[in-house]
Amino acid sequence: MRENYAYQVARVRVRELGLMNNQDIEQLMPCRSHEECMRTLRDKGWGTGNEKTAEEVLSAESAKTWDFIHELLDDLSDFDVLLYP
């Protein structure tokens, strides 16, 4: 169990590097169009590349996040509260 925990923590730490930071926000601020903003997000690795709207990008990122959590944990019952609308 302890080795598994260390692996899980390391995986999460690596994924943290892909989170948006101040520099990423600064790149989004001067975008003049929706397309330019979407291109910037895709360049950052957000979405799957097929999305046309911000809602679709967020939905794809949410799906990626849940897939990642499923990889690390067998019992997701602690996360049930996050699934309520």
PDB file of N, CA and C in Angstrom:
ATOM      1  N   MET A   1       0.825  -1.199   0.000  1.00  0.00           N
ATOM      2  CA  MET A   1       0.000   0.000   0.000  1.00  0.00           C
ATOM      3  C   MET A   1       0.868   1.260   0.000  1.00  0.00           C
ATOM      4  N   ARG A   2       1.937   1.245   0.770  1.00  0.00           N
ATOM      5  CA  ARG A   2       2.783   2.417   0.868  1.00  0.00           C
ATOM      6  C   ARG A   2       3.438   2.744  -0.473  1.00  0.00           C
ATOM      7  N   GLU A   3       3.893   1.732  -1.208  1.00  0.00           N
ATOM      8  CA  GLU A   3       4.497   1.953  -2.515  1.00  0.00           C
ATOM      9  C   GLU A   3       3.467   2.516  -3.485  1.00  0.00           C
ATOM     10  N   ASN A   4       2.248   2.027  -3.407  1.00  0.00           N
ATOM     11  CA  ASN A   4       1.172   2.510  -4.260  1.00  0.00           C
ATOM     12  C   ASN A   4       0.882   3.979  -3.963  1.00  0.00           C
ATOM     13  N   TYR A   5       0.900   4.343  -2.706  1.00  0.00           N
ATOM     14  CA  TYR A   5       0.653   5.735  -2.316  1.00  0.00           C
ATOM     15  C   TYR A   5       1.731   6.655  -2.877  1.00  0.00           C
ATOM     16  N   ALA A   6       2.975   6.246  -2.790  1.00  0.00           N
ATOM     17  CA  ALA A   6       4.080   7.057  -3.312  1.00  0.00           C
ATOM     18  C   ALA A   6       3.927   7.241  -4.820  1.00  0.00           C
ATOM     19  N   TYR A   7       3.535   6.191  -5.513  1.00  0.00           N
ATOM     20  CA  TYR A   7       3.317   6.273  -6.955  1.00  0.00           C
ATOM     21  C   TYR A   7       2.179   7.243  -7.270  1.00  0.00           C
ATOM     22  N   GLN A   8       1.095   7.149  -6.529  1.00  0.00           N
ATOM     23  CA  GLN A   8      -0.058   8.025  -6.762  1.00  0.00           C
ATOM     24  C   GLN A   8       0.303   9.489  -6.532  1.00  0.00           C
ATOM     25  N   VAL A   9       1.024   9.766  -5.475  1.00  0.00           N
ATOM     26  CA  VAL A   9       1.441  11.139  -5.185  1.00  0.00           C
ATOM     27  C   VAL A   9       2.345  11.665  -6.297  1.00  0.00           C
ATOM     28  N   ALA A  10       3.261  10.841  -6.756  1.00  0.00           N
ATOM     29  CA  ALA A  10       4.158  11.255  -7.839  1.00  0.00           C
ATOM     30  C   ALA A  10       3.372  11.550  -9.113  1.00  0.00           C
ATOM     31  N   ARG A  11       2.391  10.728  -9.433  1.00  0.00           N
ATOM     32  CA  ARG A  11       1.565  10.964 -10.629  1.00  0.00           C
ATOM     33  C   ARG A  11       0.798  12.278 -10.525  1.00  0.00           C
ATOM     34  N   VAL A  12       0.257  12.550  -9.339  1.00  0.00           N
ATOM     35  CA  VAL A  12      -0.487  13.800  -9.147  1.00  0.00           C
ATOM     36  C   VAL A  12       0.457  14.986  -9.271  1.00  0.00           C
ATOM     37  N   ARG A  13       1.644  14.891  -8.698  1.00  0.00           N
ATOM     38  CA  ARG A  13       2.613  15.995  -8.782  1.00  0.00           C
ATOM     39  C   ARG A  13       2.979  16.303 -10.231  1.00  0.00           C
ATOM     40  N   VAL A  14       3.162  15.274 -11.034  1.00  0.00           N
ATOM     41  CA  VAL A  14       3.483  15.478 -12.441  1.00  0.00           C
ATOM     42  C   VAL A  14       2.316  16.147 -13.152  1.00  0.00           C
ATOM     43  N   ARG A  15       1.095  15.726 -12.842  1.00  0.00           N
ATOM     44  CA  ARG A  15      -0.081  16.331 -13.476  1.00  0.00           C
ATOM     45  C   ARG A  15      -0.256  17.792 -13.070  1.00  0.00           C
ATOM     46  N   GLU A  16       0.191  18.145 -11.875  1.00  0.00           N
ATOM     47  CA  GLU A  16       0.088  19.531 -11.421  1.00  0.00           C
ATOM     48  C   GLU A  16       0.850  20.481 -12.339  1.00  0.00           C
ATOM     49  N   LEU A  17       1.881  19.992 -12.983  1.00  0.00           N
ATOM     50  CA  LEU A  17       2.670  20.834 -13.888  1.00  0.00           C
ATOM     51  C   LEU A  17       1.845  21.303 -15.084  1.00  0.00           C
ATOM     52  N   GLY A  18       0.779  20.575 -15.408  1.00  0.00           N
ATOM     53  CA  GLY A  18      -0.070  20.940 -16.528  1.00  0.00           C
ATOM     54  C   GLY A  18      -1.201  21.891 -16.173  1.00  0.00           C
ATOM     55  N   LEU A  19      -1.313  22.243 -14.902  1.00  0.00           N
ATOM     56  CA  LEU A  19      -2.365  23.171 -14.502  1.00  0.00           C
ATOM     57  C   LEU A  19      -2.057  24.569 -15.013  1.00  0.00           C
ATOM     58  N   MET A  20      -3.099  25.351 -15.184  1.00  0.00           N
ATOM     59  CA  MET A  20      -2.893  26.725 -15.638  1.00  0.00           C
ATOM     60  C   MET A  20      -2.248  27.538 -14.522  1.00  0.00           C
ATOM     61  N   ASN A  21      -1.294  28.370 -14.912  1.00  0.00           N
ATOM     62  CA  ASN A  21      -0.635  29.239 -13.949  1.00  0.00           C
ATOM     63  C   ASN A  21      -0.836  30.688 -14.391  1.00  0.00           C
ATOM     64  N   ASN A  22      -0.230  31.612 -13.697  1.00  0.00           N
ATOM     65  CA  ASN A  22      -0.380  33.034 -14.023  1.00  0.00           C
ATOM     66  C   ASN A  22       0.080  33.353 -15.439  1.00  0.00           C
ATOM     67  N   GLN A  23       1.150  32.727 -15.864  1.00  0.00           N
ATOM     68  CA  GLN A  23       1.658  32.968 -17.214  1.00  0.00           C
ATOM     69  C   GLN A  23       0.628  32.528 -18.264  1.00  0.00           C
ATOM     70  N   ASP A  24      -0.029  31.416 -18.029  1.00  0.00           N
ATOM     71  CA  ASP A  24      -1.051  30.944 -18.960  1.00  0.00           C
ATOM     72  C   ASP A  24      -2.238  31.907 -19.014  1.00  0.00           C
ATOM     73  N   ILE A  25      -2.631  32.412 -17.871  1.00  0.00           N
ATOM     74  CA  ILE A  25      -3.722  33.385 -17.817  1.00  0.00           C
ATOM     75  C   ILE A  25      -3.321  34.662 -18.549  1.00  0.00           C
ATOM     76  N   GLU A  26      -2.070  35.075 -18.370  1.00  0.00           N
ATOM     77  CA  GLU A  26      -1.576  36.266 -19.060  1.00  0.00           C
ATOM     78  C   GLU A  26      -1.587  36.078 -20.581  1.00  0.00           C
ATOM     79  N   GLN A  27      -1.375  34.854 -21.047  1.00  0.00           N
ATOM     80  CA  GLN A  27      -1.445  34.578 -22.478  1.00  0.00           C
ATOM     81  C   GLN A  27      -2.883  34.634 -22.987  1.00  0.00           C
ATOM     82  N   LEU A  28      -3.834  34.263 -22.144  1.00  0.00           N
ATOM     83  CA  LEU A  28      -5.238  34.279 -22.554  1.00  0.00           C
ATOM     84  C   LEU A  28      -5.835  35.687 -22.558  1.00  0.00           C
ATOM     85  N   MET A  29      -5.349  36.541 -21.692  1.00  0.00           N
ATOM     86  CA  MET A  29      -5.930  37.875 -21.553  1.00  0.00           C
ATOM     87  C   MET A  29      -5.925  38.691 -22.846  1.00  0.00           C
ATOM     88  N   PRO A  30      -4.852  38.716 -23.620  1.00  0.00           N
ATOM     89  CA  PRO A  30      -4.868  39.559 -24.825  1.00  0.00           C
ATOM     90  C   PRO A  30      -5.570  38.920 -26.033  1.00  0.00           C
ATOM     91  N   CYS A  31      -6.078  37.696 -25.889  1.00  0.00           N
ATOM     92  CA  CYS A  31      -6.757  37.059 -27.021  1.00  0.00           C
ATOM     93  C   CYS A  31      -7.940  37.918 -27.448  1.00  0.00           C
ATOM     94  N   ARG A  32      -8.035  38.181 -28.737  1.00  0.00           N
ATOM     95  CA  ARG A  32      -9.067  39.070 -29.266  1.00  0.00           C
ATOM     96  C   ARG A  32     -10.299  38.329 -29.783  1.00  0.00           C
ATOM     97  N   SER A  33     -10.179  37.023 -29.949  1.00  0.00           N
ATOM     98  CA  SER A  33     -11.327  36.279 -30.469  1.00  0.00           C
ATOM     99  C   SER A  33     -11.451  34.942 -29.744  1.00  0.00           C
ATOM    100  N   HIS A  34     -12.615  34.361 -29.914  1.00  0.00           N
ATOM    101  CA  HIS A  34     -12.877  33.047 -29.329  1.00  0.00           C
ATOM    102  C   HIS A  34     -11.915  32.015 -29.916  1.00  0.00           C
ATOM    103  N   GLU A  35     -11.693  32.081 -31.221  1.00  0.00           N
ATOM    104  CA  GLU A  35     -10.809  31.129 -31.890  1.00  0.00           C
ATOM    105  C   GLU A  35      -9.376  31.233 -31.368  1.00  0.00           C
ATOM    106  N   GLU A  36      -8.919  32.445 -31.147  1.00  0.00           N
ATOM    107  CA  GLU A  36      -7.567  32.656 -30.635  1.00  0.00           C
ATOM    108  C   GLU A  36      -7.437  32.094 -29.213  1.00  0.00           C
ATOM    109  N   CYS A  37      -8.462  32.292 -28.436  1.00  0.00           N
ATOM    110  CA  CYS A  37      -8.473  31.760 -27.071  1.00  0.00           C
ATOM    111  C   CYS A  37      -8.477  30.230 -27.089  1.00  0.00           C
ATOM    112  N   MET A  38      -9.293  29.650 -27.946  1.00  0.00           N
ATOM    113  CA  MET A  38      -9.356  28.189 -28.047  1.00  0.00           C
ATOM    114  C   MET A  38      -8.019  27.620 -28.529  1.00  0.00           C
ATOM    115  N   ARG A  39      -7.375  28.301 -29.468  1.00  0.00           N
ATOM    116  CA  ARG A  39      -6.066  27.863 -29.964  1.00  0.00           C
ATOM    117  C   ARG A  39      -5.042  27.882 -28.826  1.00  0.00           C
ATOM    118  N   THR A  40      -5.084  28.924 -28.009  1.00  0.00           N
ATOM    119  CA  THR A  40      -4.162  29.027 -26.883  1.00  0.00           C
ATOM    120  C   THR A  40      -4.390  27.884 -25.899  1.00  0.00           C
ATOM    121  N   LEU A  41      -5.646  27.563 -25.627  1.00  0.00           N
ATOM    122  CA  LEU A  41      -5.959  26.451 -24.725  1.00  0.00           C
ATOM    123  C   LEU A  41      -5.499  25.117 -25.315  1.00  0.00           C
ATOM    124  N   ARG A  42      -5.721  24.921 -26.608  1.00  0.00           N
ATOM    125  CA  ARG A  42      -5.281  23.679 -27.253  1.00  0.00           C
ATOM    126  C   ARG A  42      -3.757  23.562 -27.213  1.00  0.00           C
ATOM    127  N   ASP A  43      -3.069  24.684 -27.428  1.00  0.00           N
ATOM    128  CA  ASP A  43      -1.607  24.681 -27.359  1.00  0.00           C
ATOM    129  C   ASP A  43      -1.111  24.300 -25.974  1.00  0.00           C
ATOM    130  N   LYS A  44      -1.894  24.633 -24.962  1.00  0.00           N
ATOM    131  CA  LYS A  44      -1.558  24.284 -23.578  1.00  0.00           C
ATOM    132  C   LYS A  44      -1.848  22.811 -23.286  1.00  0.00           C
ATOM    133  N   GLY A  45      -2.608  22.161 -24.198  1.00  0.00           N
ATOM    134  CA  GLY A  45      -2.915  20.741 -24.008  1.00  0.00           C
ATOM    135  C   GLY A  45      -4.310  20.487 -23.492  1.00  0.00           C
ATOM    136  N   TRP A  46      -5.128  21.511 -23.455  1.00  0.00           N
ATOM    137  CA  TRP A  46      -6.493  21.353 -22.968  1.00  0.00           C
ATOM    138  C   TRP A  46      -7.377  20.779 -24.056  1.00  0.00           C
ATOM    139  N   GLY A  47      -8.319  19.930 -23.641  1.00  0.00           N
ATOM    140  CA  GLY A  47      -9.242  19.327 -24.589  1.00  0.00           C
ATOM    141  C   GLY A  47      -8.583  18.216 -25.373  1.00  0.00           C
ATOM    142  N   THR A  48      -9.316  17.746 -26.388  1.00  0.00           N
ATOM    143  CA  THR A  48      -8.799  16.681 -27.238  1.00  0.00           C
ATOM    144  C   THR A  48      -8.423  17.196 -28.615  1.00  0.00           C
ATOM    145  N   GLY A  49      -8.769  18.451 -28.898  1.00  0.00           N
ATOM    146  CA  GLY A  49      -8.472  19.048 -30.187  1.00  0.00           C
ATOM    147  C   GLY A  49      -9.672  19.134 -31.100  1.00  0.00           C
ATOM    148  N   ASN A  50     -10.763  18.482 -30.735  1.00  0.00           N
ATOM    149  CA  ASN A  50     -11.963  18.473 -31.578  1.00  0.00           C
ATOM    150  C   ASN A  50     -13.029  19.445 -31.098  1.00  0.00           C
ATOM    151  N   GLU A  51     -12.821  20.064 -29.952  1.00  0.00           N
ATOM    152  CA  GLU A  51     -13.850  20.917 -29.362  1.00  0.00           C
ATOM    153  C   GLU A  51     -13.911  22.263 -30.071  1.00  0.00           C
ATOM    154  N   LYS A  52     -15.122  22.798 -30.142  1.00  0.00           N
ATOM    155  CA  LYS A  52     -15.323  24.100 -30.772  1.00  0.00           C
ATOM    156  C   LYS A  52     -15.721  25.175 -29.770  1.00  0.00           C
ATOM    157  N   THR A  53     -16.205  24.782 -28.606  1.00  0.00           N
ATOM    158  CA  THR A  53     -16.642  25.754 -27.607  1.00  0.00           C
ATOM    159  C   THR A  53     -15.880  25.539 -26.308  1.00  0.00           C
ATOM    160  N   ALA A  54     -15.898  26.568 -25.480  1.00  0.00           N
ATOM    161  CA  ALA A  54     -15.238  26.479 -24.175  1.00  0.00           C
ATOM    162  C   ALA A  54     -15.900  25.411 -23.308  1.00  0.00           C
ATOM    163  N   GLU A  55     -17.214  25.264 -23.414  1.00  0.00           N
ATOM    164  CA  GLU A  55     -17.926  24.259 -22.631  1.00  0.00           C
ATOM    165  C   GLU A  55     -17.469  22.853 -23.006  1.00  0.00           C
ATOM    166  N   GLU A  56     -17.230  22.631 -24.297  1.00  0.00           N
ATOM    167  CA  GLU A  56     -16.748  21.329 -24.740  1.00  0.00           C
ATOM    168  C   GLU A  56     -15.334  21.065 -24.229  1.00  0.00           C
ATOM    169  N   VAL A  57     -14.503  22.087 -24.200  1.00  0.00           N
ATOM    170  CA  VAL A  57     -13.138  21.935 -23.672  1.00  0.00           C
ATOM    171  C   VAL A  57     -13.202  21.582 -22.186  1.00  0.00           C
ATOM    172  N   LEU A  58     -14.038  22.300 -21.437  1.00  0.00           N
ATOM    173  CA  LEU A  58     -14.162  22.013 -20.004  1.00  0.00           C
ATOM    174  C   LEU A  58     -14.717  20.614 -19.767  1.00  0.00           C
ATOM    175  N   SER A  59     -15.653  20.196 -20.589  1.00  0.00           N
ATOM    176  CA  SER A  59     -16.207  18.852 -20.464  1.00  0.00           C
ATOM    177  C   SER A  59     -15.132  17.797 -20.743  1.00  0.00           C
ATOM    178  N   ALA A  60     -14.318  18.025 -21.766  1.00  0.00           N
ATOM    179  CA  ALA A  60     -13.231  17.094 -22.086  1.00  0.00           C
ATOM    180  C   ALA A  60     -12.211  17.045 -20.957  1.00  0.00           C
ATOM    181  N   GLU A  61     -11.892  18.203 -20.383  1.00  0.00           N
ATOM    182  CA  GLU A  61     -10.939  18.240 -19.267  1.00  0.00           C
ATOM    183  C   GLU A  61     -11.505  17.541 -18.041  1.00  0.00           C
ATOM    184  N   SER A  62     -12.796  17.711 -17.807  1.00  0.00           N
ATOM    185  CA  SER A  62     -13.445  17.021 -16.692  1.00  0.00           C
ATOM    186  C   SER A  62     -13.376  15.509 -16.888  1.00  0.00           C
ATOM    187  N   ALA A  63     -13.638  15.060 -18.105  1.00  0.00           N
ATOM    188  CA  ALA A  63     -13.556  13.626 -18.402  1.00  0.00           C
ATOM    189  C   ALA A  63     -12.139  13.109 -18.201  1.00  0.00           C
ATOM    190  N   LYS A  64     -11.136  13.871 -18.654  1.00  0.00           N
ATOM    191  CA  LYS A  64      -9.741  13.471 -18.452  1.00  0.00           C
ATOM    192  C   LYS A  64      -9.408  13.360 -16.974  1.00  0.00           C
ATOM    193  N   THR A  65      -9.911  14.302 -16.194  1.00  0.00           N
ATOM    194  CA  THR A  65      -9.640  14.296 -14.752  1.00  0.00           C
ATOM    195  C   THR A  65     -10.246  13.070 -14.085  1.00  0.00           C
ATOM    196  N   TRP A  66     -11.504  12.759 -14.420  1.00  0.00           N
ATOM    197  CA  TRP A  66     -12.137  11.585 -13.832  1.00  0.00           C
ATOM    198  C   TRP A  66     -11.447  10.303 -14.286  1.00  0.00           C
ATOM    199  N   ASP A  67     -11.013  10.241 -15.525  1.00  0.00           N
ATOM    200  CA  ASP A  67     -10.260   9.068 -15.991  1.00  0.00           C
ATOM    201  C   ASP A  67      -8.975   8.898 -15.189  1.00  0.00           C
ATOM    202  N   PHE A  68      -8.310  10.006 -14.925  1.00  0.00           N
ATOM    203  CA  PHE A  68      -7.080   9.972 -14.136  1.00  0.00           C
ATOM    204  C   PHE A  68      -7.355   9.479 -12.713  1.00  0.00           C
ATOM    205  N   ILE A  69      -8.421   9.973 -12.106  1.00  0.00           N
ATOM    206  CA  ILE A  69      -8.779   9.539 -10.751  1.00  0.00           C
ATOM    207  C   ILE A  69      -9.109   8.053 -10.746  1.00  0.00           C
ATOM    208  N   HIS A  70      -9.817   7.578 -11.779  1.00  0.00           N
ATOM    209  CA  HIS A  70     -10.136   6.153 -11.882  1.00  0.00           C
ATOM    210  C   HIS A  70      -8.872   5.306 -11.992  1.00  0.00           C
ATOM    211  N   GLU A  71      -7.843   5.825 -12.663  1.00  0.00           N
ATOM    212  CA  GLU A  71      -6.574   5.095 -12.764  1.00  0.00           C
ATOM    213  C   GLU A  71      -5.934   4.878 -11.401  1.00  0.00           C
ATOM    214  N   LEU A  72      -6.051   5.872 -10.528  1.00  0.00           N
ATOM    215  CA  LEU A  72      -5.338   5.844  -9.254  1.00  0.00           C
ATOM    216  C   LEU A  72      -6.094   5.142  -8.142  1.00  0.00           C
ATOM    217  N   LEU A  73      -7.418   5.189  -8.175  1.00  0.00           N
ATOM    218  CA  LEU A  73      -8.208   4.680  -7.064  1.00  0.00           C
ATOM    219  C   LEU A  73      -9.190   3.610  -7.509  1.00  0.00           C
ATOM    220  N   ASP A  74      -9.390   2.634  -6.636  1.00  0.00           N
ATOM    221  CA  ASP A  74     -10.397   1.610  -6.904  1.00  0.00           C
ATOM    222  C   ASP A  74     -11.758   2.043  -6.386  1.00  0.00           C
ATOM    223  N   ASP A  75     -11.785   2.634  -5.203  1.00  0.00           N
ATOM    224  CA  ASP A  75     -13.035   3.053  -4.571  1.00  0.00           C
ATOM    225  C   ASP A  75     -13.198   4.564  -4.710  1.00  0.00           C
ATOM    226  N   LEU A  76     -14.175   4.972  -5.480  1.00  0.00           N
ATOM    227  CA  LEU A  76     -14.405   6.400  -5.717  1.00  0.00           C
ATOM    228  C   LEU A  76     -15.559   6.950  -4.889  1.00  0.00           C
ATOM    229  N   SER A  77     -16.007   6.203  -3.917  1.00  0.00           N
ATOM    230  CA  SER A  77     -17.168   6.636  -3.139  1.00  0.00           C
ATOM    231  C   SER A  77     -16.913   7.951  -2.390  1.00  0.00           C
ATOM    232  N   ASP A  78     -15.665   8.250  -2.060  1.00  0.00           N
ATOM    233  CA  ASP A  78     -15.359   9.514  -1.388  1.00  0.00           C
ATOM    234  C   ASP A  78     -15.619  10.713  -2.294  1.00  0.00           C
ATOM    235  N   PHE A  79     -15.660  10.490  -3.590  1.00  0.00           N
ATOM    236  CA  PHE A  79     -15.849  11.570  -4.552  1.00  0.00           C
ATOM    237  C   PHE A  79     -17.299  11.719  -5.007  1.00  0.00           C
ATOM    238  N   ASP A  80     -18.190  10.916  -4.471  1.00  0.00           N
ATOM    239  CA  ASP A  80     -19.592  10.971  -4.876  1.00  0.00           C
ATOM    240  C   ASP A  80     -20.194  12.360  -4.737  1.00  0.00           C
ATOM    241  N   VAL A  81     -19.815  13.063  -3.696  1.00  0.00           N
ATOM    242  CA  VAL A  81     -20.369  14.390  -3.454  1.00  0.00           C
ATOM    243  C   VAL A  81     -20.019  15.362  -4.597  1.00  0.00           C
ATOM    244  N   LEU A  82     -18.933  15.136  -5.289  1.00  0.00           N
ATOM    245  CA  LEU A  82     -18.538  16.002  -6.389  1.00  0.00           C
ATOM    246  C   LEU A  82     -19.370  15.761  -7.652  1.00  0.00           C
ATOM    247  N   LEU A  83     -20.107  14.683  -7.671  1.00  0.00           N
ATOM    248  CA  LEU A  83     -20.915  14.350  -8.844  1.00  0.00           C
ATOM    249  C   LEU A  83     -22.343  14.886  -8.756  1.00  0.00           C
ATOM    250  N   TYR A  84     -22.710  15.435  -7.619  1.00  0.00           N
ATOM    251  CA  TYR A  84     -24.057  15.994  -7.488  1.00  0.00           C
ATOM    252  C   TYR A  84     -24.151  17.296  -8.277  1.00  0.00           C
ATOM    253  N   PRO A  85     -25.264  17.499  -9.005  1.00  0.00           N
ATOM    254  CA  PRO A  85     -25.402  18.757  -9.765  1.00  0.00           C
ATOM    255  C   PRO A  85     -25.553  19.963  -8.864  1.00  0.00           C
TER     256      PRO A  85
END
